Amino acid sequence: MEKRKMKTGAFIRRYFRVMVGGTIILIMIIISLLAPVLATHDPNQVNIYDQNTPPNAEHRFGTDTLGRDLYSRVVYGGRVSLVVSVLVNVLAVIIGSSIGLVCGYYHKVDMILMRLMEGLATLPTILLAIVMVTILGPGVGKLITVLVIVNLPGIARITRQQVLSIKEKEHVESAKASGASDLRIMTKYVLPLSFSQLIIRFTSGLASTCLTQASLSFLGVGLDPRIPTWGGIVNEGSPMIIVHPYQCLYAGIALSITVLGFCILGDGVRDVLDPKLRG
């Protein structure tokens, strides 16, 4: 019994952050999925007779300057933030790891592709995203494309560094000597050893992507203004923040909780997969 308690305690200590962060994100996902059920009004329904109404029994979070129900808009706003954050990081890890894998294995390709990645990495993330979104125009698909491109350099660099160290190891040399093709060596012997770093990068990137998407929405670029997003709600309520602070407050709290959950989850995954980086 005592050993079981010790094992349980060790398990909780090791995975505590993962469980806390995962629980927060799971709750936010459930709320977003159940938005049609939880929402009390159409999030885009305009009612000029209910403009700037403080929180009350009918409108739990109040209404904005157009009379739209803020509670319903906040509930629906999580859908975009969560979907965009997850899809962007999944695609960025797949594409970025492929680029890093090829660059780390082939020196000639490395001289071209990594120079391009380094050029992108020198530009401020939010500035690059704003420029690209402005050029491509609004739309969820275009926003995801922009954020994937913005995230590629970091992931490609991480994978490349892993490949450069792994490809010199004995089991890789043995595979080469046995006549294995480059593709087989990269996918079977090199890439799997980089998975832990890619998983850490994926979970840690969720928070930054969520913030970047919210920042773009706050600036009024990237998505159709009619689509409820937390950043867009804060932007719309910012002119009234002194008189009606609730118009920014609840969307800001939802965004903060989500980013906090992503950060805790990312730190927990890092501690589990790479204890040497534990703070």
C-alpha atoms as a PDB file:
ATOM      1  CA  MET A   1       0.000   0.000   0.000  1.00  0.00           C
ATOM      2  CA  GLU A   2       2.810   2.398   0.900  1.00  0.00           C
ATOM      3  CA  LYS A   3       4.611   1.665  -2.368  1.00  0.00           C
ATOM      4  CA  ARG A   4       1.379   2.284  -4.264  1.00  0.00           C
ATOM      5  CA  LYS A   5       0.980   5.656  -2.535  1.00  0.00           C
ATOM      6  CA  MET A   6       4.576   6.523  -3.413  1.00  0.00           C
ATOM      7  CA  LYS A   7       3.996   5.571  -7.039  1.00  0.00           C
ATOM      8  CA  THR A   8       0.790   7.592  -7.140  1.00  0.00           C
ATOM      9  CA  GLY A   9       2.535  10.588  -5.574  1.00  0.00           C
ATOM     10  CA  ALA A  10       5.441  10.346  -8.019  1.00  0.00           C
ATOM     11  CA  PHE A  11       3.012  10.096 -10.930  1.00  0.00           C
ATOM     12  CA  ILE A  12       1.094  13.168  -9.791  1.00  0.00           C
ATOM     13  CA  ARG A  13       4.307  15.158  -9.266  1.00  0.00           C
ATOM     14  CA  ARG A  14       5.577  14.233 -12.708  1.00  0.00           C
ATOM     15  CA  TYR A  15       2.384  14.820 -14.635  1.00  0.00           C
ATOM     16  CA  PHE A  16       0.801  17.520 -12.461  1.00  0.00           C
ATOM     17  CA  ARG A  17       1.301  20.345 -14.959  1.00  0.00           C
ATOM     18  CA  VAL A  18       0.157  18.184 -17.849  1.00  0.00           C
ATOM     19  CA  MET A  19      -3.035  17.282 -15.983  1.00  0.00           C
ATOM     20  CA  VAL A  20      -3.755  20.874 -14.910  1.00  0.00           C
ATOM     21  CA  GLY A  21      -3.045  22.381 -18.332  1.00  0.00           C
ATOM     22  CA  GLY A  22      -4.856  19.573 -20.123  1.00  0.00           C
ATOM     23  CA  THR A  23      -7.905  19.983 -17.880  1.00  0.00           C
ATOM     24  CA  ILE A  24      -8.081  23.723 -18.563  1.00  0.00           C
ATOM     25  CA  ILE A  25      -7.828  23.213 -22.321  1.00  0.00           C
ATOM     26  CA  LEU A  26     -10.321  20.335 -22.236  1.00  0.00           C
ATOM     27  CA  ILE A  27     -12.857  22.547 -20.453  1.00  0.00           C
ATOM     28  CA  MET A  28     -12.359  25.334 -23.021  1.00  0.00           C
ATOM     29  CA  ILE A  29     -12.736  22.824 -25.866  1.00  0.00           C
ATOM     30  CA  ILE A  30     -15.961  21.445 -24.390  1.00  0.00           C
ATOM     31  CA  ILE A  31     -17.361  24.956 -23.967  1.00  0.00           C
ATOM     32  CA  SER A  32     -16.490  25.782 -27.584  1.00  0.00           C
ATOM     33  CA  LEU A  33     -18.000  22.566 -28.927  1.00  0.00           C
ATOM     34  CA  LEU A  34     -21.186  23.136 -26.949  1.00  0.00           C
ATOM     35  CA  ALA A  35     -21.409  26.804 -27.975  1.00  0.00           C
ATOM     36  CA  PRO A  36     -24.722  26.337 -29.850  1.00  0.00           C
ATOM     37  CA  VAL A  37     -26.191  24.801 -26.677  1.00  0.00           C
ATOM     38  CA  LEU A  38     -24.596  27.146 -24.131  1.00  0.00           C
ATOM     39  CA  ALA A  39     -25.180  30.382 -26.037  1.00  0.00           C
ATOM     40  CA  THR A  40     -28.353  32.228 -25.088  1.00  0.00           C
ATOM     41  CA  HIS A  41     -28.516  34.425 -28.203  1.00  0.00           C
ATOM     42  CA  ASP A  42     -27.320  34.546 -31.773  1.00  0.00           C
ATOM     43  CA  PRO A  43     -23.765  35.957 -31.393  1.00  0.00           C
ATOM     44  CA  ASN A  44     -24.233  38.205 -34.444  1.00  0.00           C
ATOM     45  CA  GLN A  45     -27.772  39.382 -33.721  1.00  0.00           C
ATOM     46  CA  VAL A  46     -27.840  43.185 -33.607  1.00  0.00           C
ATOM     47  CA  ASN A  47     -30.340  44.904 -31.331  1.00  0.00           C
ATOM     48  CA  ILE A  48     -30.072  48.686 -31.215  1.00  0.00           C
ATOM     49  CA  TYR A  49     -32.450  48.799 -28.252  1.00  0.00           C
ATOM     50  CA  ASP A  50     -30.022  46.820 -26.072  1.00  0.00           C
ATOM     51  CA  GLN A  51     -26.837  48.751 -26.785  1.00  0.00           C
ATOM     52  CA  ASN A  52     -24.200  48.842 -23.991  1.00  0.00           C
ATOM     53  CA  THR A  53     -26.404  46.972 -21.536  1.00  0.00           C
ATOM     54  CA  PRO A  54     -24.549  45.970 -18.320  1.00  0.00           C
ATOM     55  CA  PRO A  55     -24.578  42.292 -17.276  1.00  0.00           C
ATOM     56  CA  ASN A  56     -28.047  41.183 -16.205  1.00  0.00           C
ATOM     57  CA  ALA A  57     -30.284  38.130 -16.104  1.00  0.00           C
ATOM     58  CA  GLU A  58     -30.923  38.181 -19.862  1.00  0.00           C
ATOM     59  CA  HIS A  59     -27.428  39.157 -20.962  1.00  0.00           C
ATOM     60  CA  ARG A  60     -24.978  37.524 -18.558  1.00  0.00           C
ATOM     61  CA  PHE A  61     -21.940  39.440 -19.828  1.00  0.00           C
ATOM     62  CA  GLY A  62     -23.895  42.466 -21.056  1.00  0.00           C
ATOM     63  CA  THR A  63     -24.081  43.693 -24.650  1.00  0.00           C
ATOM     64  CA  ASP A  64     -21.744  45.616 -26.941  1.00  0.00           C
ATOM     65  CA  THR A  65     -22.273  48.863 -28.837  1.00  0.00           C
ATOM     66  CA  LEU A  66     -24.398  47.032 -31.421  1.00  0.00           C
ATOM     67  CA  GLY A  67     -26.552  45.317 -28.821  1.00  0.00           C
ATOM     68  CA  ARG A  68     -25.023  41.881 -29.428  1.00  0.00           C
ATOM     69  CA  ASP A  69     -24.970  39.455 -26.499  1.00  0.00           C
ATOM     70  CA  LEU A  70     -21.387  39.301 -25.199  1.00  0.00           C
ATOM     71  CA  TYR A  71     -21.805  35.999 -23.392  1.00  0.00           C
ATOM     72  CA  SER A  72     -22.779  34.262 -26.635  1.00  0.00           C
ATOM     73  CA  ARG A  73     -19.960  35.979 -28.528  1.00  0.00           C
ATOM     74  CA  VAL A  74     -17.366  34.945 -25.931  1.00  0.00           C
ATOM     75  CA  VAL A  75     -18.594  31.340 -25.966  1.00  0.00           C
ATOM     76  CA  TYR A  76     -18.408  31.192 -29.760  1.00  0.00           C
ATOM     77  CA  GLY A  77     -15.117  33.105 -29.822  1.00  0.00           C
ATOM     78  CA  GLY A  78     -13.213  30.146 -28.407  1.00  0.00           C
ATOM     79  CA  ARG A  79     -13.920  28.071 -31.496  1.00  0.00           C
ATOM     80  CA  VAL A  80     -11.691  30.119 -33.761  1.00  0.00           C
ATOM     81  CA  SER A  81      -8.855  30.498 -31.263  1.00  0.00           C
ATOM     82  CA  LEU A  82      -8.685  26.783 -30.418  1.00  0.00           C
ATOM     83  CA  VAL A  83      -9.154  25.449 -33.946  1.00  0.00           C
ATOM     84  CA  VAL A  84      -6.646  27.868 -35.460  1.00  0.00           C
ATOM     85  CA  SER A  85      -4.056  27.237 -32.728  1.00  0.00           C
ATOM     86  CA  VAL A  86      -4.213  23.440 -33.042  1.00  0.00           C
ATOM     87  CA  LEU A  87      -4.368  23.295 -36.850  1.00  0.00           C
ATOM     88  CA  VAL A  88      -1.549  25.814 -37.270  1.00  0.00           C
ATOM     89  CA  ASN A  89       0.788  23.907 -34.976  1.00  0.00           C
ATOM     90  CA  VAL A  90      -0.072  20.502 -36.443  1.00  0.00           C
ATOM     91  CA  LEU A  91       0.616  21.731 -39.986  1.00  0.00           C
ATOM     92  CA  ALA A  92       3.686  23.712 -38.930  1.00  0.00           C
ATOM     93  CA  VAL A  93       5.208  20.673 -37.186  1.00  0.00           C
ATOM     94  CA  ILE A  94       4.552  18.414 -40.201  1.00  0.00           C
ATOM     95  CA  ILE A  95       5.907  20.857 -42.794  1.00  0.00           C
ATOM     96  CA  GLY A  96       8.648  22.362 -40.628  1.00  0.00           C
ATOM     97  CA  SER A  97       9.991  18.973 -39.523  1.00  0.00           C
ATOM     98  CA  SER A  98      10.066  17.833 -43.167  1.00  0.00           C
ATOM     99  CA  ILE A  99      12.069  20.906 -44.132  1.00  0.00           C
ATOM    100  CA  GLY A 100      14.429  20.487 -41.181  1.00  0.00           C
ATOM    101  CA  LEU A 101      14.840  16.772 -41.913  1.00  0.00           C
ATOM    102  CA  VAL A 102      15.825  17.372 -45.532  1.00  0.00           C
ATOM    103  CA  CYS A 103      18.086  20.314 -44.654  1.00  0.00           C
ATOM    104  CA  GLY A 104      19.873  18.379 -41.941  1.00  0.00           C
ATOM    105  CA  TYR A 105      20.444  15.372 -44.174  1.00  0.00           C
ATOM    106  CA  TYR A 106      21.404  17.111 -47.427  1.00  0.00           C
ATOM    107  CA  HIS A 107      24.004  19.866 -47.160  1.00  0.00           C
ATOM    108  CA  LYS A 108      23.252  21.412 -50.584  1.00  0.00           C
ATOM    109  CA  VAL A 109      19.539  21.715 -49.813  1.00  0.00           C
ATOM    110  CA  ASP A 110      20.445  23.104 -46.402  1.00  0.00           C
ATOM    111  CA  MET A 111      22.360  25.981 -48.005  1.00  0.00           C
ATOM    112  CA  ILE A 112      19.202  27.130 -49.807  1.00  0.00           C
ATOM    113  CA  LEU A 113      16.207  26.264 -47.639  1.00  0.00           C
ATOM    114  CA  MET A 114      17.700  27.156 -44.262  1.00  0.00           C
ATOM    115  CA  ARG A 115      18.853  30.524 -45.569  1.00  0.00           C
ATOM    116  CA  LEU A 116      15.230  31.187 -46.511  1.00  0.00           C
ATOM    117  CA  MET A 117      14.068  30.019 -43.069  1.00  0.00           C
ATOM    118  CA  GLU A 118      16.662  32.222 -41.364  1.00  0.00           C
ATOM    119  CA  GLY A 119      15.486  35.174 -43.427  1.00  0.00           C
ATOM    120  CA  LEU A 120      11.914  34.638 -42.251  1.00  0.00           C
ATOM    121  CA  ALA A 121      13.090  34.197 -38.662  1.00  0.00           C
ATOM    122  CA  THR A 122      14.777  37.609 -38.637  1.00  0.00           C
ATOM    123  CA  LEU A 123      11.440  39.372 -39.135  1.00  0.00           C
ATOM    124  CA  PRO A 124       9.224  40.081 -36.090  1.00  0.00           C
ATOM    125  CA  THR A 125       6.507  37.442 -35.975  1.00  0.00           C
ATOM    126  CA  ILE A 126       3.548  39.767 -35.581  1.00  0.00           C
ATOM    127  CA  LEU A 127       4.839  42.187 -38.248  1.00  0.00           C
ATOM    128  CA  LEU A 128       5.373  39.366 -40.747  1.00  0.00           C
ATOM    129  CA  ALA A 129       1.908  37.995 -39.977  1.00  0.00           C
ATOM    130  CA  ILE A 130       0.272  41.413 -40.432  1.00  0.00           C
ATOM    131  CA  VAL A 131       1.991  41.971 -43.793  1.00  0.00           C
ATOM    132  CA  MET A 132       1.073  38.535 -45.119  1.00  0.00           C
ATOM    133  CA  VAL A 133      -2.528  38.700 -43.880  1.00  0.00           C
ATOM    134  CA  THR A 134      -2.915  42.145 -45.435  1.00  0.00           C
ATOM    135  CA  ILE A 135      -1.659  40.800 -48.771  1.00  0.00           C
ATOM    136  CA  LEU A 136      -3.740  37.613 -48.760  1.00  0.00           C
ATOM    137  CA  GLY A 137      -6.888  39.156 -47.281  1.00  0.00           C
ATOM    138  CA  PRO A 138      -9.266  37.911 -44.555  1.00  0.00           C
ATOM    139  CA  GLY A 139     -10.321  34.305 -44.125  1.00  0.00           C
ATOM    140  CA  VAL A 140      -9.748  31.431 -41.701  1.00  0.00           C
ATOM    141  CA  GLY A 141      -7.848  29.372 -44.278  1.00  0.00           C
ATOM    142  CA  LYS A 142      -5.610  32.281 -45.199  1.00  0.00           C
ATOM    143  CA  LEU A 143      -4.975  33.086 -41.542  1.00  0.00           C
ATOM    144  CA  ILE A 144      -3.957  29.477 -40.875  1.00  0.00           C
ATOM    145  CA  THR A 145      -1.619  29.580 -43.897  1.00  0.00           C
ATOM    146  CA  VAL A 146       0.032  32.770 -42.661  1.00  0.00           C
ATOM    147  CA  LEU A 147       0.528  31.486 -39.111  1.00  0.00           C
ATOM    148  CA  VAL A 148       1.943  28.187 -40.406  1.00  0.00           C
ATOM    149  CA  ILE A 149       4.530  30.068 -42.473  1.00  0.00           C
ATOM    150  CA  VAL A 150       5.406  32.250 -39.490  1.00  0.00           C
ATOM    151  CA  ASN A 151       6.012  29.144 -37.326  1.00  0.00           C
ATOM    152  CA  LEU A 152       8.067  27.191 -39.872  1.00  0.00           C
ATOM    153  CA  PRO A 153      11.566  28.630 -39.213  1.00  0.00           C
ATOM    154  CA  GLY A 154      11.676  27.679 -35.527  1.00  0.00           C
ATOM    155  CA  ILE A 155      10.461  24.116 -36.102  1.00  0.00           C
ATOM    156  CA  ALA A 156      12.737  23.592 -39.110  1.00  0.00           C
ATOM    157  CA  ARG A 157      15.739  24.793 -37.105  1.00  0.00           C
ATOM    158  CA  ILE A 158      14.954  22.475 -34.172  1.00  0.00           C
ATOM    159  CA  THR A 159      14.562  19.448 -36.466  1.00  0.00           C
ATOM    160  CA  ARG A 160      17.712  20.291 -38.416  1.00  0.00           C
ATOM    161  CA  GLN A 161      19.779  20.461 -35.224  1.00  0.00           C
ATOM    162  CA  GLN A 162      18.434  17.080 -34.141  1.00  0.00           C
ATOM    163  CA  VAL A 163      19.160  15.505 -37.533  1.00  0.00           C
ATOM    164  CA  LEU A 164      22.727  16.832 -37.629  1.00  0.00           C
ATOM    165  CA  SER A 165      23.506  15.079 -34.347  1.00  0.00           C
ATOM    166  CA  ILE A 166      21.510  11.905 -34.981  1.00  0.00           C
ATOM    167  CA  LYS A 167      22.718  11.113 -38.507  1.00  0.00           C
ATOM    168  CA  GLU A 168      26.276  10.543 -37.233  1.00  0.00           C
ATOM    169  CA  LYS A 169      25.221   7.879 -34.732  1.00  0.00           C
ATOM    170  CA  GLU A 170      26.182   4.232 -35.124  1.00  0.00           C
ATOM    171  CA  HIS A 171      22.740   2.846 -35.927  1.00  0.00           C
ATOM    172  CA  VAL A 172      22.360   5.343 -38.782  1.00  0.00           C
ATOM    173  CA  GLU A 173      25.812   4.482 -40.139  1.00  0.00           C
ATOM    174  CA  SER A 174      24.898   0.798 -39.934  1.00  0.00           C
ATOM    175  CA  ALA A 175      21.714   1.436 -41.910  1.00  0.00           C
ATOM    176  CA  LYS A 176      23.704   3.265 -44.581  1.00  0.00           C
ATOM    177  CA  ALA A 177      26.212   0.404 -44.764  1.00  0.00           C
ATOM    178  CA  SER A 178      23.392  -2.119 -45.168  1.00  0.00           C
ATOM    179  CA  GLY A 179      22.152  -0.238 -48.245  1.00  0.00           C
ATOM    180  CA  ALA A 180      19.049   1.440 -46.789  1.00  0.00           C
ATOM    181  CA  SER A 181      17.713   4.307 -48.884  1.00  0.00           C
ATOM    182  CA  ASP A 182      17.957   7.906 -47.667  1.00  0.00           C
ATOM    183  CA  LEU A 183      14.175   8.106 -47.302  1.00  0.00           C
ATOM    184  CA  ARG A 184      14.094   4.972 -45.149  1.00  0.00           C
ATOM    185  CA  ILE A 185      16.951   6.211 -42.988  1.00  0.00           C
ATOM    186  CA  MET A 186      15.337   9.619 -42.474  1.00  0.00           C
ATOM    187  CA  THR A 187      11.869   8.313 -41.657  1.00  0.00           C
ATOM    188  CA  LYS A 188      12.792   5.193 -39.666  1.00  0.00           C
ATOM    189  CA  TYR A 189      16.100   5.961 -37.962  1.00  0.00           C
ATOM    190  CA  VAL A 190      16.393   9.760 -37.742  1.00  0.00           C
ATOM    191  CA  LEU A 191      12.962  11.370 -37.455  1.00  0.00           C
ATOM    192  CA  PRO A 192      11.611   9.180 -34.595  1.00  0.00           C
ATOM    193  CA  LEU A 193      14.461  10.355 -32.352  1.00  0.00           C
ATOM    194  CA  SER A 194      13.313  13.947 -32.901  1.00  0.00           C
ATOM    195  CA  PHE A 195       9.710  13.317 -31.843  1.00  0.00           C
ATOM    196  CA  SER A 196      10.168  14.423 -28.240  1.00  0.00           C
ATOM    197  CA  GLN A 197      11.511  17.842 -29.270  1.00  0.00           C
ATOM    198  CA  LEU A 198       8.746  18.248 -31.848  1.00  0.00           C
ATOM    199  CA  ILE A 199       6.066  17.400 -29.283  1.00  0.00           C
ATOM    200  CA  ILE A 200       7.560  19.956 -26.886  1.00  0.00           C
ATOM    201  CA  ARG A 201       7.610  22.538 -29.678  1.00  0.00           C
ATOM    202  CA  PHE A 202       4.013  21.709 -30.619  1.00  0.00           C
ATOM    203  CA  THR A 203       2.602  22.153 -27.110  1.00  0.00           C
ATOM    204  CA  SER A 204       4.652  25.281 -26.372  1.00  0.00           C
ATOM    205  CA  GLY A 205       3.633  26.799 -29.711  1.00  0.00           C
ATOM    206  CA  LEU A 206      -0.085  26.577 -28.947  1.00  0.00           C
ATOM    207  CA  ALA A 207       0.032  29.514 -26.513  1.00  0.00           C
ATOM    208  CA  SER A 208       2.023  31.809 -28.800  1.00  0.00           C
ATOM    209  CA  THR A 209      -0.190  30.994 -31.784  1.00  0.00           C
ATOM    210  CA  CYS A 210      -3.323  31.702 -29.751  1.00  0.00           C
ATOM    211  CA  LEU A 211      -1.898  35.083 -28.719  1.00  0.00           C
ATOM    212  CA  THR A 212      -0.792  35.926 -32.263  1.00  0.00           C
ATOM    213  CA  GLN A 213      -4.224  35.116 -33.650  1.00  0.00           C
ATOM    214  CA  ALA A 214      -5.866  37.206 -30.932  1.00  0.00           C
ATOM    215  CA  SER A 215      -3.464  40.081 -31.635  1.00  0.00           C
ATOM    216  CA  LEU A 216      -4.320  40.031 -35.328  1.00  0.00           C
ATOM    217  CA  SER A 217      -8.041  40.000 -34.517  1.00  0.00           C
ATOM    218  CA  PHE A 218      -7.499  42.891 -32.090  1.00  0.00           C
ATOM    219  CA  LEU A 219      -5.803  44.835 -34.885  1.00  0.00           C
ATOM    220  CA  GLY A 220      -8.716  44.050 -37.184  1.00  0.00           C
ATOM    221  CA  VAL A 221      -6.862  41.878 -39.706  1.00  0.00           C
ATOM    222  CA  GLY A 222      -6.953  38.196 -40.577  1.00  0.00           C
ATOM    223  CA  LEU A 223     -10.634  37.361 -40.135  1.00  0.00           C
ATOM    224  CA  ASP A 224     -14.018  38.690 -41.137  1.00  0.00           C
ATOM    225  CA  PRO A 225     -15.089  41.078 -38.325  1.00  0.00           C
ATOM    226  CA  ARG A 226     -18.441  39.302 -38.195  1.00  0.00           C
ATOM    227  CA  ILE A 227     -16.751  36.124 -36.897  1.00  0.00           C
ATOM    228  CA  PRO A 228     -16.682  36.238 -33.071  1.00  0.00           C
ATOM    229  CA  THR A 229     -13.113  36.032 -31.755  1.00  0.00           C
ATOM    230  CA  TRP A 230     -11.743  36.974 -28.358  1.00  0.00           C
ATOM    231  CA  GLY A 231      -9.269  39.429 -29.848  1.00  0.00           C
ATOM    232  CA  GLY A 232     -11.982  40.968 -32.008  1.00  0.00           C
ATOM    233  CA  ILE A 233     -14.343  41.343 -29.031  1.00  0.00           C
ATOM    234  CA  VAL A 234     -11.625  43.130 -27.041  1.00  0.00           C
ATOM    235  CA  ASN A 235     -10.946  45.384 -30.032  1.00  0.00           C
ATOM    236  CA  GLU A 236     -14.624  46.271 -30.418  1.00  0.00           C
ATOM    237  CA  GLY A 237     -14.990  46.988 -26.703  1.00  0.00           C
ATOM    238  CA  SER A 238     -11.749  48.946 -26.254  1.00  0.00           C
ATOM    239  CA  PRO A 239     -13.257  52.371 -27.114  1.00  0.00           C
ATOM    240  CA  MET A 240     -15.760  51.851 -24.270  1.00  0.00           C
ATOM    241  CA  ILE A 241     -13.311  50.359 -21.769  1.00  0.00           C
ATOM    242  CA  ILE A 242     -13.562  53.277 -19.325  1.00  0.00           C
ATOM    243  CA  VAL A 243     -17.357  53.514 -19.343  1.00  0.00           C
ATOM    244  CA  HIS A 244     -18.209  49.841 -19.967  1.00  0.00           C
ATOM    245  CA  PRO A 245     -15.150  47.724 -19.057  1.00  0.00           C
ATOM    246  CA  TYR A 246     -17.166  44.491 -19.192  1.00  0.00           C
ATOM    247  CA  GLN A 247     -17.130  44.722 -22.998  1.00  0.00           C
ATOM    248  CA  CYS A 248     -13.415  43.785 -22.921  1.00  0.00           C
ATOM    249  CA  LEU A 249     -13.193  42.001 -19.582  1.00  0.00           C
ATOM    250  CA  TYR A 250     -14.810  38.624 -20.231  1.00  0.00           C
ATOM    251  CA  ALA A 251     -13.183  37.998 -23.615  1.00  0.00           C
ATOM    252  CA  GLY A 252      -9.840  38.975 -22.092  1.00  0.00           C
ATOM    253  CA  ILE A 253     -10.353  36.550 -19.202  1.00  0.00           C
ATOM    254  CA  ALA A 254     -11.279  33.709 -21.578  1.00  0.00           C
ATOM    255  CA  LEU A 255      -8.188  34.390 -23.694  1.00  0.00           C
ATOM    256  CA  SER A 256      -5.950  34.578 -20.613  1.00  0.00           C
ATOM    257  CA  ILE A 257      -7.274  31.297 -19.205  1.00  0.00           C
ATOM    258  CA  THR A 258      -6.739  29.520 -22.531  1.00  0.00           C
ATOM    259  CA  VAL A 259      -3.204  30.845 -22.987  1.00  0.00           C
ATOM    260  CA  LEU A 260      -2.423  29.952 -19.364  1.00  0.00           C
ATOM    261  CA  GLY A 261      -3.690  26.418 -19.974  1.00  0.00           C
ATOM    262  CA  PHE A 262      -1.535  26.077 -23.086  1.00  0.00           C
ATOM    263  CA  CYS A 263       1.518  27.399 -21.204  1.00  0.00           C
ATOM    264  CA  ILE A 264       1.053  25.002 -18.276  1.00  0.00           C
ATOM    265  CA  LEU A 265       0.497  22.095 -20.664  1.00  0.00           C
ATOM    266  CA  GLY A 266       3.586  23.008 -22.675  1.00  0.00           C
ATOM    267  CA  ASP A 267       5.747  23.297 -19.550  1.00  0.00           C
ATOM    268  CA  GLY A 268       4.430  19.980 -18.270  1.00  0.00           C
ATOM    269  CA  VAL A 269       5.142  18.152 -21.515  1.00  0.00           C
ATOM    270  CA  ARG A 270       8.644  19.673 -21.606  1.00  0.00           C
ATOM    271  CA  ASP A 271       9.345  18.529 -18.040  1.00  0.00           C
ATOM    272  CA  VAL A 272       8.188  14.994 -18.827  1.00  0.00           C
ATOM    273  CA  LEU A 273       9.993  14.570 -22.144  1.00  0.00           C
ATOM    274  CA  ASP A 274      13.139  16.553 -21.343  1.00  0.00           C
ATOM    275  CA  PRO A 275      13.741  16.783 -17.574  1.00  0.00           C
ATOM    276  CA  LYS A 276      17.074  18.569 -18.198  1.00  0.00           C
ATOM    277  CA  LEU A 277      15.113  21.678 -19.200  1.00  0.00           C
ATOM    278  CA  ARG A 278      13.007  21.660 -16.033  1.00  0.00           C
ATOM    279  CA  GLY A 279      13.028  25.042 -14.315  1.00  0.00           C
END
